[in-house]
Amino acid sequence: MKIKSLDIFFIFFVLILFLLGTWQILRLNHKNNLKENLEKNLKKNSINFNPEINKEYTKVFIKKKSLKPEVFLYNLNEGEIGFKVIVPYKVNNSLVVLIDKGWVRKNKINEIKKTSFNDDIIEGFTKRIKEKGLFTPDNNIKEDFTYFIDINSLKKNLNKNIYPLLIIQTSKTNKDISANNYQIYLSNNHLQYAITWYGLALFTIIFFVYYRKKVK
């Protein structure tokens, strides 16, 4: 059977689809292993916070002097409007660490602004600070609508460097704040992607076989 250039294209196309599907399976296994390791980290005892810690989902405890609450991230909780309360804590004269203390209803924001958190012994885990997404709105500070943590703005306002990881507080805090849980959020849609690529490969093979029979 003479192989035509269109046949070569079909074969090459199917090969690419299979490689993409296989790559997604490898990514799926990697994510599952990563999540398993992170869950093991969260079962360990908390360690005393220090600025040298650079891994996500490391359990830490910290007792430092807090600055006034600076960031209230817009957040829906079961359909109810509220905010994530982010409080900067002074580590030393040049560095602050941002603590995600939990979720608060919108009507409690003014009370939280007046709250001092200096007596807290904070326990939680480290997590990467999300960058502004492509479709994330700009922050509206005047109306207390903040959609992302603006590191550069905080550096200027506080005149200090920011520790690169957020600490998600899981210990109890202010009575108006709903505390965070030990949860690992990892986007893991690789199985669906793999099925999609393999499905396209199978469809292409069926179409190719049908096409070859028609042109005989």
N, C-alpha and C. Protein backbone atom coordinates (compact mmCIF):
# COMPACT_ATOMS: atom_id res chain seq x y z
N MET A 1 0.85 -1.20 0.00
CA MET A 1 0.00 0.00 0.00
C MET A 1 0.88 1.25 0.00
N LYS A 2 0.62 2.10 -0.94
CA LYS A 2 1.42 3.31 -1.06
C LYS A 2 1.04 4.32 0.03
N ILE A 3 2.03 4.79 0.74
CA ILE A 3 1.78 5.76 1.81
C ILE A 3 1.81 7.16 1.22
N LYS A 4 0.73 7.89 1.42
CA LYS A 4 0.63 9.24 0.90
C LYS A 4 0.98 10.24 1.99
N SER A 5 1.21 11.46 1.56
CA SER A 5 1.58 12.51 2.52
C SER A 5 0.47 12.74 3.54
N LEU A 6 -0.81 12.58 3.10
CA LEU A 6 -1.93 12.74 4.03
C LEU A 6 -1.92 11.64 5.08
N ASP A 7 -1.51 10.42 4.69
CA ASP A 7 -1.39 9.32 5.65
C ASP A 7 -0.34 9.65 6.71
N ILE A 8 0.76 10.19 6.25
CA ILE A 8 1.84 10.56 7.18
C ILE A 8 1.34 11.61 8.16
N PHE A 9 0.56 12.56 7.66
CA PHE A 9 0.00 13.59 8.54
C PHE A 9 -0.89 12.97 9.60
N PHE A 10 -1.78 12.03 9.20
CA PHE A 10 -2.67 11.36 10.15
C PHE A 10 -1.87 10.62 11.22
N ILE A 11 -0.86 9.88 10.78
CA ILE A 11 -0.04 9.11 11.73
C ILE A 11 0.68 10.05 12.70
N PHE A 12 1.24 11.11 12.16
CA PHE A 12 1.94 12.09 13.01
C PHE A 12 0.97 12.73 14.00
N PHE A 13 -0.24 13.06 13.52
CA PHE A 13 -1.25 13.71 14.37
C PHE A 13 -1.66 12.79 15.52
N VAL A 14 -1.89 11.50 15.20
CA VAL A 14 -2.27 10.54 16.24
C VAL A 14 -1.15 10.37 17.26
N LEU A 15 0.09 10.33 16.78
CA LEU A 15 1.24 10.20 17.67
C LEU A 15 1.31 11.37 18.65
N ILE A 16 1.09 12.56 18.13
CA ILE A 16 1.10 13.75 18.99
C ILE A 16 0.01 13.65 20.05
N LEU A 17 -1.19 13.23 19.66
CA LEU A 17 -2.30 13.10 20.61
C LEU A 17 -1.98 12.07 21.69
N PHE A 18 -1.39 10.95 21.31
CA PHE A 18 -1.01 9.94 22.30
C PHE A 18 0.06 10.48 23.27
N LEU A 19 1.01 11.22 22.74
CA LEU A 19 2.06 11.80 23.59
C LEU A 19 1.46 12.80 24.58
N LEU A 20 0.51 13.60 24.10
CA LEU A 20 -0.14 14.56 24.99
C LEU A 20 -0.93 13.85 26.09
N GLY A 21 -1.63 12.78 25.71
CA GLY A 21 -2.37 12.00 26.71
C GLY A 21 -1.45 11.36 27.73
N THR A 22 -0.35 10.81 27.26
CA THR A 22 0.62 10.17 28.16
C THR A 22 1.27 11.18 29.09
N TRP A 23 1.56 12.37 28.54
CA TRP A 23 2.13 13.43 29.38
C TRP A 23 1.17 13.82 30.49
N GLN A 24 -0.14 13.86 30.19
CA GLN A 24 -1.12 14.18 31.22
C GLN A 24 -1.19 13.10 32.29
N ILE A 25 -1.03 11.83 31.89
CA ILE A 25 -1.00 10.74 32.87
C ILE A 25 0.20 10.88 33.79
N LEU A 26 1.35 11.25 33.23
CA LEU A 26 2.55 11.47 34.04
C LEU A 26 2.34 12.62 35.01
N ARG A 27 1.69 13.69 34.52
CA ARG A 27 1.39 14.84 35.38
C ARG A 27 0.41 14.45 36.49
N LEU A 28 -0.55 13.59 36.15
CA LEU A 28 -1.52 13.12 37.15
C LEU A 28 -0.80 12.38 38.27
N ASN A 29 0.09 11.46 37.91
CA ASN A 29 0.84 10.71 38.91
C ASN A 29 1.71 11.62 39.77
N HIS A 30 2.32 12.62 39.11
CA HIS A 30 3.16 13.57 39.84
C HIS A 30 2.33 14.35 40.85
N LYS A 31 1.15 14.83 40.42
CA LYS A 31 0.29 15.59 41.33
C LYS A 31 -0.19 14.73 42.50
N ASN A 32 -0.54 13.47 42.21
CA ASN A 32 -1.01 12.59 43.28
C ASN A 32 0.10 12.33 44.30
N ASN A 33 1.32 12.12 43.81
CA ASN A 33 2.46 11.91 44.71
C ASN A 33 2.76 13.17 45.52
N LEU A 34 2.66 14.33 44.84
CA LEU A 34 2.90 15.60 45.53
C LEU A 34 1.87 15.82 46.63
N LYS A 35 0.60 15.57 46.32
CA LYS A 35 -0.45 15.75 47.33
C LYS A 35 -0.24 14.82 48.51
N GLU A 36 0.16 13.58 48.23
CA GLU A 36 0.42 12.61 49.30
C GLU A 36 1.54 13.10 50.21
N ASN A 37 2.61 13.64 49.61
CA ASN A 37 3.73 14.15 50.41
C ASN A 37 3.32 15.37 51.23
N LEU A 38 2.50 16.24 50.63
CA LEU A 38 2.05 17.43 51.34
C LEU A 38 1.14 17.04 52.50
N GLU A 39 0.30 16.05 52.30
CA GLU A 39 -0.56 15.58 53.40
C GLU A 39 0.27 15.01 54.54
N LYS A 40 1.36 14.35 54.20
CA LYS A 40 2.27 13.85 55.24
C LYS A 40 2.89 15.02 56.01
N ASN A 41 3.24 16.10 55.28
CA ASN A 41 3.80 17.28 55.95
C ASN A 41 2.82 17.85 56.98
N LEU A 42 1.53 17.87 56.61
CA LEU A 42 0.53 18.46 57.50
C LEU A 42 0.22 17.58 58.71
N LYS A 43 0.71 16.33 58.71
CA LYS A 43 0.53 15.46 59.85
C LYS A 43 1.69 15.58 60.84
N LYS A 44 2.74 16.27 60.43
CA LYS A 44 3.90 16.45 61.30
C LYS A 44 3.62 17.53 62.34
N ASN A 45 4.43 17.58 63.38
CA ASN A 45 4.31 18.63 64.38
C ASN A 45 4.74 19.97 63.79
N SER A 46 4.14 21.03 64.30
CA SER A 46 4.51 22.37 63.84
C SER A 46 5.91 22.72 64.30
N ILE A 47 6.61 23.49 63.48
CA ILE A 47 7.94 23.96 63.84
C ILE A 47 7.90 25.48 64.02
N ASN A 48 8.84 25.99 64.78
CA ASN A 48 8.91 27.43 65.01
C ASN A 48 9.20 28.15 63.70
N PHE A 49 8.41 29.17 63.40
CA PHE A 49 8.59 29.88 62.14
C PHE A 49 9.95 30.57 62.08
N ASN A 50 10.57 30.49 60.89
CA ASN A 50 11.73 31.33 60.62
C ASN A 50 11.72 31.66 59.13
N PRO A 51 12.28 32.79 58.74
CA PRO A 51 12.20 33.26 57.35
C PRO A 51 12.91 32.38 56.34
N GLU A 52 13.68 31.38 56.83
CA GLU A 52 14.39 30.49 55.91
C GLU A 52 13.47 29.40 55.35
N ILE A 53 12.31 29.20 55.95
CA ILE A 53 11.37 28.19 55.46
C ILE A 53 10.87 28.63 54.08
N ASN A 54 11.00 27.75 53.10
CA ASN A 54 10.62 28.13 51.73
C ASN A 54 9.73 27.11 51.04
N LYS A 55 9.20 26.15 51.81
CA LYS A 55 8.35 25.12 51.20
C LYS A 55 6.89 25.34 51.59
N GLU A 56 6.00 25.11 50.63
CA GLU A 56 4.58 25.19 50.90
C GLU A 56 4.13 24.04 51.81
N TYR A 57 3.06 24.27 52.53
CA TYR A 57 2.41 23.28 53.39
C TYR A 57 3.36 22.77 54.48
N THR A 58 4.17 23.68 54.99
CA THR A 58 4.99 23.39 56.17
C THR A 58 4.24 23.91 57.39
N LYS A 59 3.99 23.05 58.38
CA LYS A 59 3.27 23.48 59.58
C LYS A 59 4.19 24.29 60.47
N VAL A 60 3.73 25.47 60.86
CA VAL A 60 4.54 26.36 61.68
C VAL A 60 3.70 26.97 62.79
N PHE A 61 4.38 27.48 63.81
CA PHE A 61 3.71 28.34 64.78
C PHE A 61 4.56 29.59 64.94
N ILE A 62 3.90 30.68 65.30
CA ILE A 62 4.59 31.96 65.34
C ILE A 62 3.93 32.86 66.38
N LYS A 63 4.71 33.62 67.12
CA LYS A 63 4.18 34.64 68.00
C LYS A 63 4.98 35.91 67.78
N LYS A 64 4.38 36.83 67.07
CA LYS A 64 5.03 38.08 66.74
C LYS A 64 4.05 39.23 66.92
N LYS A 65 4.57 40.43 66.88
CA LYS A 65 3.72 41.61 67.01
C LYS A 65 3.02 41.89 65.68
N SER A 66 1.70 42.00 65.73
CA SER A 66 0.96 42.26 64.50
C SER A 66 0.90 43.75 64.21
N LEU A 67 0.79 44.08 62.93
CA LEU A 67 0.50 45.43 62.50
C LEU A 67 -1.01 45.50 62.26
N LYS A 68 -1.52 46.64 61.92
CA LYS A 68 -2.97 46.73 61.69
C LYS A 68 -3.35 45.91 60.46
N PRO A 69 -4.57 45.32 60.46
CA PRO A 69 -5.01 44.58 59.28
C PRO A 69 -4.94 45.45 58.03
N GLU A 70 -4.37 44.89 56.96
CA GLU A 70 -4.13 45.67 55.75
C GLU A 70 -4.92 45.17 54.54
N VAL A 71 -5.22 43.87 54.50
CA VAL A 71 -5.80 43.30 53.29
C VAL A 71 -7.05 42.52 53.64
N PHE A 72 -8.12 42.78 52.91
CA PHE A 72 -9.35 42.01 53.06
C PHE A 72 -9.73 41.51 51.68
N LEU A 73 -9.51 40.23 51.45
CA LEU A 73 -9.73 39.66 50.12
C LEU A 73 -11.19 39.26 49.95
N TYR A 74 -11.81 39.77 48.89
CA TYR A 74 -13.21 39.43 48.58
C TYR A 74 -13.34 37.93 48.43
N ASN A 75 -14.35 37.36 49.09
CA ASN A 75 -14.47 35.91 49.08
C ASN A 75 -15.92 35.51 49.37
N LEU A 76 -16.42 34.55 48.61
CA LEU A 76 -17.76 34.00 48.85
C LEU A 76 -17.64 32.74 49.69
N ASN A 77 -18.50 32.63 50.70
CA ASN A 77 -18.53 31.43 51.53
C ASN A 77 -19.96 30.92 51.56
N GLU A 78 -20.20 29.83 50.79
CA GLU A 78 -21.54 29.28 50.64
C GLU A 78 -22.53 30.35 50.19
N GLY A 79 -22.07 31.18 49.24
CA GLY A 79 -22.94 32.20 48.65
C GLY A 79 -23.02 33.49 49.43
N GLU A 80 -22.40 33.55 50.62
CA GLU A 80 -22.46 34.75 51.44
C GLU A 80 -21.21 35.60 51.21
N ILE A 81 -21.44 36.92 51.01
CA ILE A 81 -20.32 37.82 50.75
C ILE A 81 -19.52 38.04 52.02
N GLY A 82 -18.21 37.93 51.89
CA GLY A 82 -17.32 38.20 53.01
C GLY A 82 -15.91 38.40 52.51
N PHE A 83 -14.97 38.37 53.43
CA PHE A 83 -13.59 38.65 53.07
C PHE A 83 -12.64 37.74 53.85
N LYS A 84 -11.53 37.42 53.20
CA LYS A 84 -10.42 36.77 53.89
C LYS A 84 -9.62 37.86 54.60
N VAL A 85 -9.33 37.65 55.87
CA VAL A 85 -8.60 38.66 56.65
C VAL A 85 -7.11 38.34 56.62
N ILE A 86 -6.33 39.24 56.02
CA ILE A 86 -4.88 39.06 55.93
C ILE A 86 -4.21 40.11 56.82
N VAL A 87 -3.46 39.64 57.80
CA VAL A 87 -2.83 40.56 58.76
C VAL A 87 -1.31 40.43 58.67
N PRO A 88 -0.61 41.56 58.50
CA PRO A 88 0.86 41.51 58.51
C PRO A 88 1.40 41.45 59.93
N TYR A 89 2.34 40.56 60.15
CA TYR A 89 3.01 40.43 61.45
C TYR A 89 4.49 40.78 61.29
N LYS A 90 4.98 41.54 62.21
CA LYS A 90 6.37 41.98 62.16
C LYS A 90 7.30 40.86 62.60
N VAL A 91 8.20 40.45 61.70
CA VAL A 91 9.18 39.42 62.02
C VAL A 91 10.44 40.06 62.59
N ASN A 92 10.90 41.09 61.92
CA ASN A 92 12.03 41.90 62.40
C ASN A 92 11.85 43.31 61.83
N ASN A 93 12.88 44.13 61.95
CA ASN A 93 12.75 45.53 61.54
C ASN A 93 12.54 45.72 60.04
N SER A 94 12.84 44.69 59.25
CA SER A 94 12.75 44.85 57.80
C SER A 94 11.80 43.87 57.11
N LEU A 95 11.21 42.93 57.89
CA LEU A 95 10.42 41.88 57.27
C LEU A 95 9.09 41.67 57.99
N VAL A 96 8.02 41.47 57.21
CA VAL A 96 6.74 41.08 57.78
C VAL A 96 6.27 39.80 57.09
N VAL A 97 5.47 39.03 57.81
CA VAL A 97 4.86 37.83 57.24
C VAL A 97 3.36 38.06 57.23
N LEU A 98 2.70 37.65 56.15
CA LEU A 98 1.26 37.84 56.01
C LEU A 98 0.54 36.60 56.52
N ILE A 99 -0.43 36.81 57.43
CA ILE A 99 -1.19 35.71 58.02
C ILE A 99 -2.62 35.77 57.51
N ASP A 100 -3.05 34.67 56.89
CA ASP A 100 -4.45 34.52 56.50
C ASP A 100 -5.20 33.98 57.71
N LYS A 101 -5.95 34.85 58.38
CA LYS A 101 -6.57 34.47 59.64
C LYS A 101 -7.93 33.79 59.47
N GLY A 102 -8.48 33.84 58.26
CA GLY A 102 -9.76 33.19 58.03
C GLY A 102 -10.74 34.12 57.34
N TRP A 103 -12.01 33.77 57.42
CA TRP A 103 -13.07 34.46 56.69
C TRP A 103 -13.97 35.22 57.63
N VAL A 104 -14.38 36.43 57.21
CA VAL A 104 -15.26 37.25 58.04
C VAL A 104 -16.39 37.82 57.18
N ARG A 105 -17.57 37.94 57.77
CA ARG A 105 -18.70 38.54 57.05
C ARG A 105 -18.42 40.00 56.76
N LYS A 106 -19.02 40.47 55.68
CA LYS A 106 -18.78 41.85 55.25
C LYS A 106 -19.16 42.86 56.34
N ASN A 107 -20.24 42.59 57.07
CA ASN A 107 -20.70 43.57 58.07
C ASN A 107 -19.83 43.60 59.33
N LYS A 108 -18.81 42.72 59.39
CA LYS A 108 -17.91 42.70 60.55
C LYS A 108 -16.55 43.33 60.25
N ILE A 109 -16.37 43.80 59.03
CA ILE A 109 -15.07 44.33 58.62
C ILE A 109 -14.61 45.49 59.50
N ASN A 110 -15.49 46.44 59.77
CA ASN A 110 -15.09 47.62 60.55
C ASN A 110 -14.62 47.23 61.95
N GLU A 111 -15.25 46.22 62.53
CA GLU A 111 -14.81 45.75 63.85
C GLU A 111 -13.42 45.12 63.77
N ILE A 112 -13.19 44.34 62.70
CA ILE A 112 -11.89 43.68 62.53
C ILE A 112 -10.78 44.71 62.35
N LYS A 113 -11.09 45.82 61.68
CA LYS A 113 -10.08 46.86 61.46
C LYS A 113 -9.56 47.43 62.78
N LYS A 114 -10.39 47.40 63.80
CA LYS A 114 -10.00 47.97 65.10
C LYS A 114 -9.38 46.92 66.03
N THR A 115 -9.30 45.70 65.56
CA THR A 115 -8.86 44.58 66.41
C THR A 115 -7.34 44.49 66.47
N SER A 116 -6.84 44.24 67.66
CA SER A 116 -5.42 43.97 67.83
C SER A 116 -5.24 42.46 67.99
N PHE A 117 -4.25 41.91 67.28
CA PHE A 117 -4.00 40.47 67.32
C PHE A 117 -2.67 40.16 67.99
N ASN A 118 -2.19 41.06 68.83
CA ASN A 118 -0.84 40.94 69.39
C ASN A 118 -0.66 39.73 70.31
N ASP A 119 -1.73 39.24 70.90
CA ASP A 119 -1.60 38.16 71.86
C ASP A 119 -1.74 36.78 71.23
N ASP A 120 -1.88 36.74 69.93
CA ASP A 120 -2.07 35.46 69.25
C ASP A 120 -0.81 34.61 69.24
N ILE A 121 -0.97 33.33 69.51
CA ILE A 121 0.05 32.34 69.14
C ILE A 121 -0.53 31.63 67.93
N ILE A 122 0.05 31.87 66.79
CA ILE A 122 -0.53 31.43 65.53
C ILE A 122 0.03 30.08 65.13
N GLU A 123 -0.86 29.17 64.77
CA GLU A 123 -0.44 27.91 64.19
C GLU A 123 -1.12 27.78 62.83
N GLY A 124 -0.37 27.31 61.86
CA GLY A 124 -0.91 27.17 60.52
C GLY A 124 0.10 26.53 59.59
N PHE A 125 -0.07 26.79 58.31
CA PHE A 125 0.86 26.23 57.33
C PHE A 125 1.16 27.24 56.24
N THR A 126 2.31 27.07 55.63
CA THR A 126 2.76 28.01 54.60
C THR A 126 2.09 27.68 53.26
N LYS A 127 1.86 28.72 52.48
CA LYS A 127 1.25 28.53 51.16
C LYS A 127 1.69 29.68 50.25
N ARG A 128 1.83 29.35 48.98
CA ARG A 128 2.26 30.36 48.00
C ARG A 128 1.24 31.48 47.90
N ILE A 129 1.72 32.71 47.78
CA ILE A 129 0.84 33.86 47.58
C ILE A 129 0.47 33.93 46.10
N LYS A 130 -0.81 33.86 45.81
CA LYS A 130 -1.25 33.88 44.42
C LYS A 130 -1.00 35.23 43.77
N GLU A 131 -0.54 35.18 42.53
CA GLU A 131 -0.37 36.41 41.76
C GLU A 131 -1.71 36.81 41.15
N LYS A 132 -1.80 38.05 40.72
CA LYS A 132 -3.02 38.54 40.08
C LYS A 132 -3.27 37.77 38.79
N GLY A 133 -4.45 37.18 38.66
CA GLY A 133 -4.80 36.44 37.46
C GLY A 133 -5.15 37.35 36.31
N LEU A 134 -5.19 36.77 35.13
CA LEU A 134 -5.48 37.54 33.92
C LEU A 134 -6.85 38.20 33.99
N PHE A 135 -7.83 37.51 34.58
CA PHE A 135 -9.19 38.03 34.63
C PHE A 135 -9.57 38.55 36.03
N THR A 136 -8.57 38.67 36.91
CA THR A 136 -8.83 39.18 38.25
C THR A 136 -9.00 40.70 38.19
N PRO A 137 -10.08 41.25 38.76
CA PRO A 137 -10.28 42.70 38.74
C PRO A 137 -9.19 43.42 39.54
N ASP A 138 -9.01 44.70 39.24
CA ASP A 138 -8.09 45.51 40.03
C ASP A 138 -8.67 45.74 41.42
N ASN A 139 -7.80 45.88 42.40
CA ASN A 139 -8.26 46.16 43.75
C ASN A 139 -8.91 47.53 43.83
N ASN A 140 -9.99 47.61 44.61
CA ASN A 140 -10.67 48.88 44.86
C ASN A 140 -10.56 49.18 46.35
N ILE A 141 -9.45 49.78 46.73
CA ILE A 141 -9.14 49.99 48.15
C ILE A 141 -10.18 50.88 48.82
N LYS A 142 -10.65 51.91 48.11
CA LYS A 142 -11.59 52.87 48.71
C LYS A 142 -12.87 52.18 49.18
N GLU A 143 -13.28 51.13 48.47
CA GLU A 143 -14.53 50.46 48.83
C GLU A 143 -14.29 49.10 49.47
N ASP A 144 -13.04 48.87 49.89
CA ASP A 144 -12.69 47.63 50.59
C ASP A 144 -12.94 46.38 49.76
N PHE A 145 -12.80 46.52 48.45
CA PHE A 145 -12.91 45.33 47.60
C PHE A 145 -11.53 45.01 47.06
N THR A 146 -10.94 43.98 47.64
CA THR A 146 -9.59 43.55 47.26
C THR A 146 -9.67 42.13 46.73
N TYR A 147 -9.10 41.93 45.56
CA TYR A 147 -9.23 40.63 44.89
C TYR A 147 -7.93 39.84 44.86
N PHE A 148 -6.83 40.49 45.19
CA PHE A 148 -5.54 39.79 45.23
C PHE A 148 -4.61 40.53 46.17
N ILE A 149 -3.58 39.84 46.63
CA ILE A 149 -2.60 40.45 47.52
C ILE A 149 -1.57 41.18 46.68
N ASP A 150 -1.58 42.49 46.78
CA ASP A 150 -0.66 43.33 46.00
C ASP A 150 0.63 43.52 46.80
N ILE A 151 1.60 42.67 46.55
CA ILE A 151 2.85 42.67 47.31
C ILE A 151 3.57 44.01 47.20
N ASN A 152 3.66 44.55 46.00
CA ASN A 152 4.39 45.82 45.80
C ASN A 152 3.74 46.95 46.57
N SER A 153 2.42 47.00 46.56
CA SER A 153 1.71 48.04 47.30
C SER A 153 1.93 47.90 48.80
N LEU A 154 1.92 46.65 49.30
CA LEU A 154 2.15 46.42 50.72
C LEU A 154 3.56 46.81 51.14
N LYS A 155 4.52 46.52 50.28
CA LYS A 155 5.90 46.90 50.58
C LYS A 155 6.02 48.41 50.78
N LYS A 156 5.34 49.16 49.91
CA LYS A 156 5.39 50.62 50.00
C LYS A 156 4.67 51.12 51.23
N ASN A 157 3.48 50.56 51.49
CA ASN A 157 2.68 51.01 52.63
C ASN A 157 3.35 50.70 53.97
N LEU A 158 3.94 49.52 54.06
CA LEU A 158 4.55 49.08 55.32
C LEU A 158 6.02 49.45 55.42
N ASN A 159 6.60 49.78 54.27
CA ASN A 159 8.03 50.09 54.19
C ASN A 159 8.88 48.93 54.72
N LYS A 160 8.44 47.73 54.35
CA LYS A 160 9.16 46.53 54.77
C LYS A 160 9.08 45.48 53.65
N ASN A 161 9.99 44.52 53.70
CA ASN A 161 9.92 43.39 52.77
C ASN A 161 8.84 42.42 53.22
N ILE A 162 8.33 41.64 52.26
CA ILE A 162 7.26 40.68 52.56
C ILE A 162 7.82 39.26 52.43
N TYR A 163 7.61 38.45 53.45
CA TYR A 163 7.97 37.03 53.38
C TYR A 163 7.20 36.41 52.22
N PRO A 164 7.86 35.63 51.35
CA PRO A 164 7.24 35.21 50.09
C PRO A 164 6.11 34.20 50.19
N LEU A 165 5.89 33.61 51.37
CA LEU A 165 4.80 32.65 51.54
C LEU A 165 3.76 33.20 52.51
N LEU A 166 2.51 32.88 52.23
CA LEU A 166 1.42 33.23 53.13
C LEU A 166 1.32 32.15 54.20
N ILE A 167 0.99 32.53 55.44
CA ILE A 167 0.73 31.54 56.47
C ILE A 167 -0.78 31.44 56.66
N ILE A 168 -1.33 30.25 56.41
CA ILE A 168 -2.76 30.02 56.56
C ILE A 168 -3.01 29.61 58.01
N GLN A 169 -3.57 30.49 58.80
CA GLN A 169 -3.77 30.21 60.22
C GLN A 169 -4.91 29.19 60.40
N THR A 170 -4.66 28.17 61.19
CA THR A 170 -5.67 27.16 61.48
C THR A 170 -6.08 27.16 62.95
N SER A 171 -5.28 27.82 63.78
CA SER A 171 -5.64 27.92 65.19
C SER A 171 -6.75 28.96 65.36
N LYS A 172 -7.45 28.89 66.49
CA LYS A 172 -8.57 29.79 66.74
C LYS A 172 -8.11 31.24 66.79
N THR A 173 -8.98 32.12 66.35
CA THR A 173 -8.64 33.54 66.32
C THR A 173 -9.84 34.34 66.81
N ASN A 174 -10.03 35.54 66.30
CA ASN A 174 -11.15 36.39 66.69
C ASN A 174 -12.49 35.67 66.52
N LYS A 175 -13.43 35.93 67.46
CA LYS A 175 -14.73 35.24 67.44
C LYS A 175 -15.52 35.49 66.17
N ASP A 176 -15.26 36.61 65.49
CA ASP A 176 -16.01 36.94 64.28
C ASP A 176 -15.39 36.32 63.02
N ILE A 177 -14.22 35.71 63.19
CA ILE A 177 -13.52 35.16 62.03
C ILE A 177 -13.66 33.64 62.02
N SER A 178 -14.10 33.11 60.89
CA SER A 178 -14.18 31.66 60.71
C SER A 178 -12.79 31.14 60.35
N ALA A 179 -12.26 30.26 61.19
CA ALA A 179 -10.88 29.79 61.00
C ALA A 179 -10.74 28.92 59.76
N ASN A 180 -9.52 28.85 59.25
CA ASN A 180 -9.21 27.99 58.10
C ASN A 180 -9.05 26.54 58.55
N ASN A 181 -9.12 25.64 57.58
CA ASN A 181 -8.88 24.22 57.83
C ASN A 181 -7.57 23.79 57.17
N TYR A 182 -7.08 22.63 57.60
CA TYR A 182 -5.91 22.06 56.91
C TYR A 182 -6.39 21.42 55.62
N GLN A 183 -6.33 22.18 54.54
CA GLN A 183 -6.76 21.67 53.25
C GLN A 183 -5.71 21.95 52.19
N ILE A 184 -5.54 21.00 51.30
CA ILE A 184 -4.57 21.16 50.21
C ILE A 184 -5.34 21.40 48.92
N TYR A 185 -5.08 22.54 48.31
CA TYR A 185 -5.75 22.88 47.06
C TYR A 185 -4.75 22.76 45.92
N LEU A 186 -4.88 21.68 45.16
CA LEU A 186 -4.03 21.48 43.99
C LEU A 186 -4.93 21.22 42.79
N SER A 187 -4.79 22.04 41.77
CA SER A 187 -5.54 21.80 40.55
C SER A 187 -5.06 20.49 39.93
N ASN A 188 -6.01 19.56 39.72
CA ASN A 188 -5.60 18.24 39.21
C ASN A 188 -6.66 17.72 38.24
N ASN A 189 -6.70 18.30 37.05
CA ASN A 189 -7.64 17.89 36.02
C ASN A 189 -6.96 17.04 34.94
N HIS A 190 -5.81 16.48 35.28
CA HIS A 190 -5.00 15.80 34.26
C HIS A 190 -5.67 14.53 33.72
N LEU A 191 -6.47 13.84 34.56
CA LEU A 191 -7.16 12.65 34.08
C LEU A 191 -8.15 13.01 32.97
N GLN A 192 -8.92 14.09 33.19
CA GLN A 192 -9.87 14.54 32.16
C GLN A 192 -9.15 14.93 30.88
N TYR A 193 -8.02 15.62 31.05
CA TYR A 193 -7.25 16.02 29.86
C TYR A 193 -6.72 14.80 29.12
N ALA A 194 -6.24 13.80 29.87
CA ALA A 194 -5.70 12.59 29.25
C ALA A 194 -6.79 11.87 28.47
N ILE A 195 -7.98 11.74 29.08
CA ILE A 195 -9.10 11.09 28.39
C ILE A 195 -9.46 11.84 27.11
N THR A 196 -9.40 13.17 27.18
CA THR A 196 -9.71 13.99 26.00
C THR A 196 -8.72 13.71 24.87
N TRP A 197 -7.42 13.73 25.20
CA TRP A 197 -6.40 13.51 24.16
C TRP A 197 -6.48 12.10 23.59
N TYR A 198 -6.65 11.09 24.47
CA TYR A 198 -6.75 9.72 23.98
C TYR A 198 -8.02 9.53 23.16
N GLY A 199 -9.09 10.19 23.58
CA GLY A 199 -10.34 10.11 22.83
C GLY A 199 -10.20 10.70 21.44
N LEU A 200 -9.51 11.83 21.36
CA LEU A 200 -9.26 12.44 20.05
C LEU A 200 -8.40 11.54 19.18
N ALA A 201 -7.41 10.87 19.81
CA ALA A 201 -6.55 9.95 19.06
C ALA A 201 -7.37 8.79 18.50
N LEU A 202 -8.26 8.22 19.34
CA LEU A 202 -9.09 7.11 18.90
C LEU A 202 -10.02 7.55 17.77
N PHE A 203 -10.63 8.71 17.92
CA PHE A 203 -11.51 9.23 16.88
C PHE A 203 -10.75 9.43 15.57
N THR A 204 -9.52 9.93 15.66
CA THR A 204 -8.70 10.16 14.46
C THR A 204 -8.36 8.85 13.77
N ILE A 205 -8.05 7.81 14.58
CA ILE A 205 -7.73 6.49 14.00
C ILE A 205 -8.95 5.93 13.26
N ILE A 206 -10.13 6.01 13.89
CA ILE A 206 -11.36 5.52 13.26
C ILE A 206 -11.63 6.26 11.96
N PHE A 207 -11.46 7.58 12.02
CA PHE A 207 -11.68 8.39 10.83
C PHE A 207 -10.68 8.04 9.74
N PHE A 208 -9.42 7.79 10.15
CA PHE A 208 -8.36 7.46 9.18
C PHE A 208 -8.65 6.13 8.48
N VAL A 209 -9.08 5.12 9.29
CA VAL A 209 -9.41 3.81 8.72
C VAL A 209 -10.58 3.94 7.74
N TYR A 210 -11.59 4.69 8.15
CA TYR A 210 -12.76 4.91 7.28
C TYR A 210 -12.34 5.62 5.99
N TYR A 211 -11.47 6.61 6.12
CA TYR A 211 -11.01 7.37 4.96
C TYR A 211 -10.23 6.47 3.99
N ARG A 212 -9.38 5.62 4.52
CA ARG A 212 -8.57 4.74 3.67
C ARG A 212 -9.45 3.74 2.90
N LYS A 213 -10.51 3.26 3.57
CA LYS A 213 -11.42 2.33 2.89
C LYS A 213 -12.17 3.03 1.77
N LYS A 214 -12.51 4.31 2.00
CA LYS A 214 -13.27 5.05 0.99
C LYS A 214 -12.44 5.35 -0.26
N VAL A 215 -11.13 5.54 -0.09
CA VAL A 215 -10.30 5.94 -1.22
C VAL A 215 -9.70 4.76 -1.97
N LYS A 216 -9.95 3.53 -1.46
CA LYS A 216 -9.42 2.34 -2.15
C LYS A 216 -10.11 2.14 -3.51
